[in-house]
Amino acid sequence: MTQLTHAHATRFAAATLSHLGREYPYKMDLVLNGPEDAKPPRAHHPIFHGSFDWHSCVHGWWQVLRLARRFPDLAIATDIRTRADAMLVPEKVAGELAFLDRPYAAAFERPYGWAWLLALHAEAAQHDAPWAAALEPLAAAFAARFHTFLPKLTYPLRVGTHFNIAFALTLARHWAESRDPALVSLIDARARDWFAADRDCQAWEPGGDEFLSPALGEAHLMTIVLGDDFPAWWDAFLPRAAAGQPATLFTPATVSDRSDGKIAHLDGLNLSRAWNWRTIAAALGPAHPVTPVAEAAAQRHLDAALPHVTGDYMGEHWLASFALLALDGL
């Protein structure tokens, strides 16, 4: 199985650092309340105004901090830390917080960006630096939004794009484990409410612009929520997995045009599936008949996507973060 290497880290970090401060092109998530709101991205987002959109900038920061920690001898690691010292500071965080108080901002980046901000805070906390302390109020604000949102989300969001709830809760739960036991309990209860009775998943995927697997992302979350009970749930959820069925889950998606931002999502699907399959295999254990099939599927998906992490900005502004998940996990 392909592992994260120094060469990967060098390639990913250099590409991502080059666009963390690249303000244009930029896709705003903004409700205009009046003409005074027509401002450049950095006026609304003092930190996260690069990388094409807010959430990609957030997880770009997660990625470069993670790589600087995992490979402290990276030639670019000093540049990463210097940039973080300038950007991840209380006064800029205050500007990001102010955006959350705007009218009609309650659903801003829900739930994908919320979860990635928590992942960034969790990563920042592993560094001997003031970054996590600076980000703490922003992380607390998004955790509070999860507390408010999850009880009223009657039905799970099973799509394969930014709104997918299983992916968001996988990241959010990782953050909450050492910080917010009430959020852990809420996530676990909601996951059981939505997914515990799922059986014989047909896996009608991939959609043409998806970067997450609704089926495998759900299973990934349940590896964490169910613990030792996961294998029995899995056997009912995908009862023909040992035979490689449904075949679509084991077959990498075809990407026809990497300059098309939506179609390029499918490279991300291949990477996120690789992460899912590796996690599922580890949760099932070496004796389970699906484990070697899952590991082989993970490798096929990695082989299909890793050569294309860089090369076109429509993928390059975000794919390295998903490559890092696929190769190294959270």
Protein backbone atom coordinates (compact mmCIF):
# COMPACT_ATOMS: atom_id res chain seq x y z
CA MET A 1 0.00 0.00 0.00
CA THR A 2 1.35 3.42 -0.93
CA GLN A 3 2.54 5.40 2.09
CA LEU A 4 3.11 9.12 2.61
CA THR A 5 6.67 10.03 1.65
CA HIS A 6 8.94 13.05 1.86
CA ALA A 7 8.49 13.47 -1.90
CA HIS A 8 4.71 13.60 -1.51
CA ALA A 9 5.05 16.13 1.30
CA THR A 10 7.34 18.37 -0.73
CA ARG A 11 5.04 18.31 -3.73
CA PHE A 12 1.84 18.88 -1.78
CA ALA A 13 3.16 21.59 0.53
CA ALA A 14 4.77 23.61 -2.25
CA ALA A 15 1.61 23.57 -4.34
CA THR A 16 -0.68 24.48 -1.45
CA LEU A 17 1.47 27.21 0.05
CA SER A 18 1.58 28.85 -3.37
CA HIS A 19 -2.18 29.46 -3.34
CA LEU A 20 -3.07 29.93 0.35
CA GLY A 21 -2.70 33.67 -0.21
CA ARG A 22 -3.83 33.70 -3.83
CA GLU A 23 -6.93 35.86 -3.65
CA TYR A 24 -8.22 35.41 -7.20
CA PRO A 25 -10.02 33.54 -8.60
CA TYR A 26 -12.21 33.24 -5.49
CA LYS A 27 -15.72 31.88 -5.02
CA MET A 28 -17.49 33.78 -2.24
CA ASP A 29 -20.19 32.28 -0.03
CA LEU A 30 -21.88 35.58 0.73
CA VAL A 31 -25.39 36.98 1.06
CA LEU A 32 -25.28 40.64 0.06
CA ASN A 33 -27.23 42.68 2.58
CA GLY A 34 -26.49 45.91 0.74
CA PRO A 35 -24.03 47.52 -1.67
CA GLU A 36 -21.54 48.03 1.14
CA ASP A 37 -20.97 44.25 1.17
CA ALA A 38 -19.39 44.27 -2.30
CA LYS A 39 -15.83 44.02 -1.04
CA PRO A 40 -12.80 41.92 -2.02
CA PRO A 41 -12.40 38.51 -0.36
CA ARG A 42 -9.76 39.56 2.18
CA ALA A 43 -12.11 42.25 3.53
CA HIS A 44 -14.56 39.54 4.53
CA HIS A 45 -12.05 36.80 5.36
CA PRO A 46 -8.74 38.09 6.77
CA ILE A 47 -7.29 34.57 6.94
CA PHE A 48 -9.18 32.34 4.54
CA HIS A 49 -9.27 34.45 1.37
CA GLY A 50 -7.08 32.21 -0.81
CA SER A 51 -7.24 28.82 -2.49
CA PHE A 52 -10.36 29.59 -4.57
CA ASP A 53 -12.83 29.36 -1.67
CA TRP A 54 -13.07 29.53 2.11
CA HIS A 55 -13.15 25.83 2.90
CA SER A 56 -10.27 24.98 0.55
CA CYS A 57 -8.18 27.65 2.25
CA VAL A 58 -9.05 26.20 5.66
CA HIS A 59 -8.06 22.66 4.78
CA GLY A 60 -5.05 23.95 2.86
CA TRP A 61 -3.82 25.36 6.16
CA TRP A 62 -4.59 22.04 7.86
CA GLN A 63 -2.55 20.27 5.23
CA VAL A 64 0.58 22.44 5.32
CA LEU A 65 0.66 22.49 9.13
CA ARG A 66 0.26 18.72 9.16
CA LEU A 67 3.08 18.26 6.66
CA ALA A 68 5.38 20.66 8.52
CA ARG A 69 4.83 18.58 11.66
CA ARG A 70 5.20 15.21 9.98
CA PHE A 71 8.28 16.31 8.00
CA PRO A 72 9.99 19.08 10.00
CA ASP A 73 13.00 18.97 7.68
CA LEU A 74 10.95 20.02 4.64
CA ALA A 75 12.71 22.87 2.87
CA ILE A 76 9.44 24.77 2.88
CA ALA A 77 8.59 24.14 6.56
CA THR A 78 10.11 27.42 7.72
CA ASP A 79 8.02 29.31 5.18
CA ILE A 80 4.90 27.52 6.41
CA ARG A 81 5.56 28.47 10.02
CA THR A 82 6.41 32.06 9.13
CA ARG A 83 3.19 32.41 7.16
CA ALA A 84 1.20 30.83 9.99
CA ASP A 85 2.75 33.23 12.49
CA ALA A 86 1.51 36.12 10.35
CA MET A 87 -1.96 34.77 9.55
CA LEU A 88 -3.21 32.63 12.45
CA VAL A 89 -3.41 35.52 14.90
CA PRO A 90 -6.22 36.81 17.15
CA GLU A 91 -6.99 39.99 15.23
CA LYS A 92 -7.49 38.11 11.98
CA VAL A 93 -9.54 35.43 13.73
CA ALA A 94 -11.75 38.23 15.04
CA GLY A 95 -12.46 39.21 11.45
CA GLU A 96 -13.47 35.65 10.57
CA LEU A 97 -15.72 35.55 13.64
CA ALA A 98 -17.36 38.80 12.64
CA PHE A 99 -18.42 37.25 9.35
CA LEU A 100 -20.32 34.55 11.25
CA ASP A 101 -22.42 37.23 12.94
CA ARG A 102 -23.72 38.60 9.65
CA PRO A 103 -27.42 38.24 8.80
CA TYR A 104 -28.11 35.03 6.86
CA ALA A 105 -24.73 33.53 7.82
CA ALA A 106 -26.10 30.73 10.01
CA ALA A 107 -25.61 28.15 7.24
CA PHE A 108 -22.28 29.53 6.02
CA GLU A 109 -20.08 26.54 5.07
CA ARG A 110 -22.42 24.07 6.78
CA PRO A 111 -21.26 21.39 7.53
CA TYR A 112 -18.12 20.90 5.43
CA GLY A 113 -16.28 24.10 6.27
CA TRP A 114 -17.30 23.81 9.91
CA ALA A 115 -15.66 20.40 10.15
CA TRP A 116 -12.49 21.43 8.37
CA LEU A 117 -12.04 24.40 10.70
CA LEU A 118 -12.23 22.02 13.65
CA ALA A 119 -9.67 19.76 11.97
CA LEU A 120 -7.37 22.75 11.45
CA HIS A 121 -7.68 23.71 15.12
CA ALA A 122 -6.90 20.14 16.19
CA GLU A 123 -3.79 20.14 14.01
CA ALA A 124 -2.66 23.58 15.20
CA ALA A 125 -2.89 22.33 18.78
CA GLN A 126 -0.14 19.80 18.06
CA HIS A 127 2.41 22.53 17.34
CA ASP A 128 4.53 24.50 19.79
CA ALA A 129 3.06 27.75 18.53
CA PRO A 130 0.25 30.19 19.43
CA TRP A 131 -1.88 29.22 16.44
CA ALA A 132 -4.36 26.96 18.26
CA ALA A 133 -4.96 29.54 20.98
CA ALA A 134 -5.69 32.14 18.31
CA LEU A 135 -8.09 29.80 16.49
CA GLU A 136 -9.85 28.64 19.68
CA PRO A 137 -12.75 31.15 19.51
CA LEU A 138 -13.45 30.24 15.90
CA ALA A 139 -13.40 26.52 16.69
CA ALA A 140 -15.74 27.11 19.62
CA ALA A 141 -18.13 29.01 17.37
CA PHE A 142 -18.34 26.17 14.86
CA ALA A 143 -18.66 23.54 17.58
CA ALA A 144 -21.60 25.53 18.94
CA ARG A 145 -23.15 25.49 15.48
CA PHE A 146 -22.90 21.70 15.38
CA HIS A 147 -24.61 21.52 18.76
CA THR A 148 -27.47 23.63 17.43
CA PHE A 149 -27.74 22.05 13.99
CA LEU A 150 -27.51 18.31 14.64
CA PRO A 151 -30.60 17.94 16.84
CA LYS A 152 -32.80 19.59 14.20
CA LEU A 153 -31.36 17.71 11.20
CA THR A 154 -34.20 15.23 10.84
CA TYR A 155 -32.76 13.38 7.85
CA PRO A 156 -29.11 12.66 7.07
CA LEU A 157 -27.41 14.45 4.19
CA ARG A 158 -26.21 11.54 2.05
CA VAL A 159 -24.94 13.44 -1.00
CA GLY A 160 -21.36 13.11 -2.22
CA THR A 161 -20.53 16.82 -2.10
CA HIS A 162 -19.90 19.46 0.56
CA PHE A 163 -23.19 18.85 2.35
CA ASN A 164 -22.43 15.22 3.25
CA ILE A 165 -22.98 14.83 6.97
CA ALA A 166 -20.96 11.66 7.59
CA PHE A 167 -17.71 13.20 6.36
CA ALA A 168 -18.27 16.34 8.42
CA LEU A 169 -19.01 14.35 11.56
CA THR A 170 -15.93 12.18 11.10
CA LEU A 171 -13.76 15.31 11.23
CA ALA A 172 -15.81 17.01 13.94
CA ARG A 173 -15.76 13.96 16.20
CA HIS A 174 -11.98 13.71 15.90
CA TRP A 175 -11.72 17.30 17.18
CA ALA A 176 -14.30 16.77 19.92
CA GLU A 177 -12.79 13.60 21.42
CA SER A 178 -10.42 15.54 23.67
CA ARG A 179 -12.39 18.79 23.90
CA ASP A 180 -16.16 18.40 23.84
CA PRO A 181 -17.56 15.11 25.20
CA ALA A 182 -21.11 16.38 24.79
CA LEU A 183 -20.51 16.83 21.07
CA VAL A 184 -19.07 13.31 20.84
CA SER A 185 -22.22 11.95 22.46
CA LEU A 186 -24.44 13.98 20.16
CA ILE A 187 -22.58 12.86 17.03
CA ASP A 188 -22.71 9.22 18.09
CA ALA A 189 -26.43 9.42 18.86
CA ARG A 190 -27.26 11.09 15.57
CA ALA A 191 -25.11 8.65 13.58
CA ARG A 192 -26.93 5.74 15.19
CA ASP A 193 -30.29 7.38 14.56
CA TRP A 194 -29.54 7.86 10.87
CA PHE A 195 -27.37 4.89 9.94
CA ALA A 196 -27.56 2.02 12.43
CA ALA A 197 -30.43 0.29 10.64
CA ASP A 198 -29.03 0.70 7.11
CA ARG A 199 -28.93 -2.62 5.26
CA ASP A 200 -27.89 -3.91 1.82
CA CYS A 201 -26.65 -0.57 0.48
CA GLN A 202 -27.10 -0.32 -3.29
CA ALA A 203 -24.46 2.43 -3.64
CA TRP A 204 -25.92 4.44 -6.48
CA GLU A 205 -22.69 6.33 -7.04
CA PRO A 206 -20.66 8.09 -8.19
CA GLY A 207 -22.58 11.18 -9.16
CA GLY A 208 -20.97 13.23 -11.88
CA ASP A 209 -19.51 15.88 -9.59
CA GLU A 210 -19.04 14.06 -6.30
CA PHE A 211 -15.84 13.95 -4.27
CA LEU A 212 -17.19 11.91 -1.35
CA SER A 213 -18.71 8.43 -1.29
CA PRO A 214 -22.08 8.47 0.49
CA ALA A 215 -21.82 4.74 1.17
CA LEU A 216 -18.18 4.48 2.22
CA GLY A 217 -18.22 7.79 4.07
CA GLU A 218 -21.12 6.55 6.18
CA ALA A 219 -19.27 3.31 6.88
CA HIS A 220 -16.12 5.25 7.78
CA LEU A 221 -18.03 7.25 10.40
CA MET A 222 -19.57 4.05 11.78
CA THR A 223 -16.12 2.48 12.29
CA ILE A 224 -15.59 5.19 14.92
CA VAL A 225 -19.09 5.30 16.38
CA LEU A 226 -19.63 1.54 16.66
CA GLY A 227 -16.14 0.38 17.57
CA ASP A 228 -16.13 -3.39 18.13
CA ASP A 229 -19.69 -3.62 16.83
CA PHE A 230 -18.70 -2.28 13.43
CA PRO A 231 -17.94 -5.61 11.64
CA ALA A 232 -21.46 -6.95 12.29
CA TRP A 233 -23.00 -3.69 11.05
CA TRP A 234 -20.76 -3.73 7.98
CA ASP A 235 -21.69 -7.30 7.06
CA ALA A 236 -25.34 -6.25 6.91
CA PHE A 237 -24.64 -2.90 5.25
CA LEU A 238 -22.63 -4.31 2.32
CA PRO A 239 -23.21 -8.06 2.48
CA ARG A 240 -21.56 -8.79 -0.89
CA ALA A 241 -18.41 -6.73 -0.38
CA ALA A 242 -16.12 -9.76 -0.19
CA ALA A 243 -17.15 -10.50 -3.78
CA GLY A 244 -16.43 -6.92 -4.84
CA GLN A 245 -20.08 -5.87 -5.01
CA PRO A 246 -21.51 -3.34 -5.62
CA ALA A 247 -18.75 -3.03 -8.22
CA THR A 248 -18.99 0.76 -8.40
CA LEU A 249 -17.50 1.08 -4.91
CA PHE A 250 -14.42 -0.87 -5.93
CA THR A 251 -13.87 0.88 -9.27
CA PRO A 252 -12.09 4.25 -9.46
CA ALA A 253 -14.09 7.02 -11.07
CA THR A 254 -13.12 8.22 -14.55
CA VAL A 255 -12.22 11.91 -14.79
CA SER A 256 -12.89 13.20 -18.29
CA ASP A 257 -11.83 16.86 -17.91
CA ARG A 258 -9.61 18.08 -15.07
CA SER A 259 -10.01 21.70 -16.12
CA ASP A 260 -13.72 21.46 -15.25
CA GLY A 261 -13.93 22.19 -11.54
CA LYS A 262 -16.96 19.98 -10.95
CA ILE A 263 -15.76 17.00 -12.98
CA ALA A 264 -12.37 17.33 -11.26
CA HIS A 265 -14.21 16.50 -8.04
CA LEU A 266 -13.99 12.87 -9.12
CA ASP A 267 -10.24 12.83 -8.43
CA GLY A 268 -11.20 13.76 -4.90
CA LEU A 269 -13.71 10.93 -4.83
CA ASN A 270 -10.95 8.47 -5.65
CA LEU A 271 -8.79 9.89 -2.85
CA SER A 272 -11.55 9.99 -0.24
CA ARG A 273 -12.58 6.44 -1.13
CA ALA A 274 -8.98 5.33 -0.66
CA TRP A 275 -9.07 6.84 2.84
CA ASN A 276 -12.44 5.18 3.51
CA TRP A 277 -11.30 1.77 2.32
CA ARG A 278 -8.11 1.89 4.39
CA THR A 279 -10.06 2.85 7.50
CA ILE A 280 -12.68 0.16 6.93
CA ALA A 281 -10.02 -2.50 6.39
CA ALA A 282 -8.30 -1.53 9.64
CA ALA A 283 -11.60 -1.63 11.52
CA LEU A 284 -12.53 -5.06 10.14
CA GLY A 285 -9.16 -6.56 11.02
CA PRO A 286 -6.87 -8.96 9.16
CA ALA A 287 -9.11 -12.01 9.55
CA HIS A 288 -12.18 -10.51 7.90
CA PRO A 289 -12.73 -11.65 4.28
CA VAL A 290 -13.36 -8.09 3.09
CA THR A 291 -10.06 -6.71 4.38
CA PRO A 292 -7.80 -7.75 1.47
CA VAL A 293 -10.48 -6.67 -1.01
CA ALA A 294 -10.76 -3.30 0.71
CA GLU A 295 -7.00 -2.80 0.77
CA ALA A 296 -6.75 -3.61 -2.94
CA ALA A 297 -9.58 -1.16 -3.69
CA ALA A 298 -7.79 1.54 -1.70
CA GLN A 299 -4.64 1.04 -3.75
CA ARG A 300 -6.51 1.17 -7.06
CA HIS A 301 -8.12 4.45 -6.08
CA LEU A 302 -4.78 5.90 -4.98
CA ASP A 303 -3.15 4.87 -8.23
CA ALA A 304 -5.92 6.55 -10.20
CA ALA A 305 -5.72 9.89 -8.38
CA LEU A 306 -2.24 10.59 -6.99
CA PRO A 307 -0.69 11.53 -10.36
CA HIS A 308 -3.33 14.27 -10.76
CA VAL A 309 -3.14 16.07 -7.42
CA THR A 310 -1.26 18.91 -9.09
CA GLY A 311 -1.33 20.18 -12.64
CA ASP A 312 -4.57 22.13 -13.02
CA TYR A 313 -5.74 24.77 -10.54
CA MET A 314 -9.29 23.41 -10.49
CA GLY A 315 -7.95 20.35 -8.68
CA GLU A 316 -4.67 21.69 -7.37
CA HIS A 317 -6.31 24.18 -5.00
CA TRP A 318 -7.77 21.35 -2.87
CA LEU A 319 -6.80 17.82 -3.87
CA ALA A 320 -3.58 17.63 -1.84
CA SER A 321 -5.60 17.75 1.37
CA PHE A 322 -7.55 14.67 0.29
CA ALA A 323 -4.36 12.97 -0.82
CA LEU A 324 -2.99 13.55 2.67
CA LEU A 325 -6.11 12.02 4.22
CA ALA A 326 -5.77 9.02 1.90
CA LEU A 327 -2.11 8.50 2.71
CA ASP A 328 -1.95 9.49 6.37
CA GLY A 329 -5.47 9.83 7.81
CA LEU A 330 -6.56 12.56 10.23
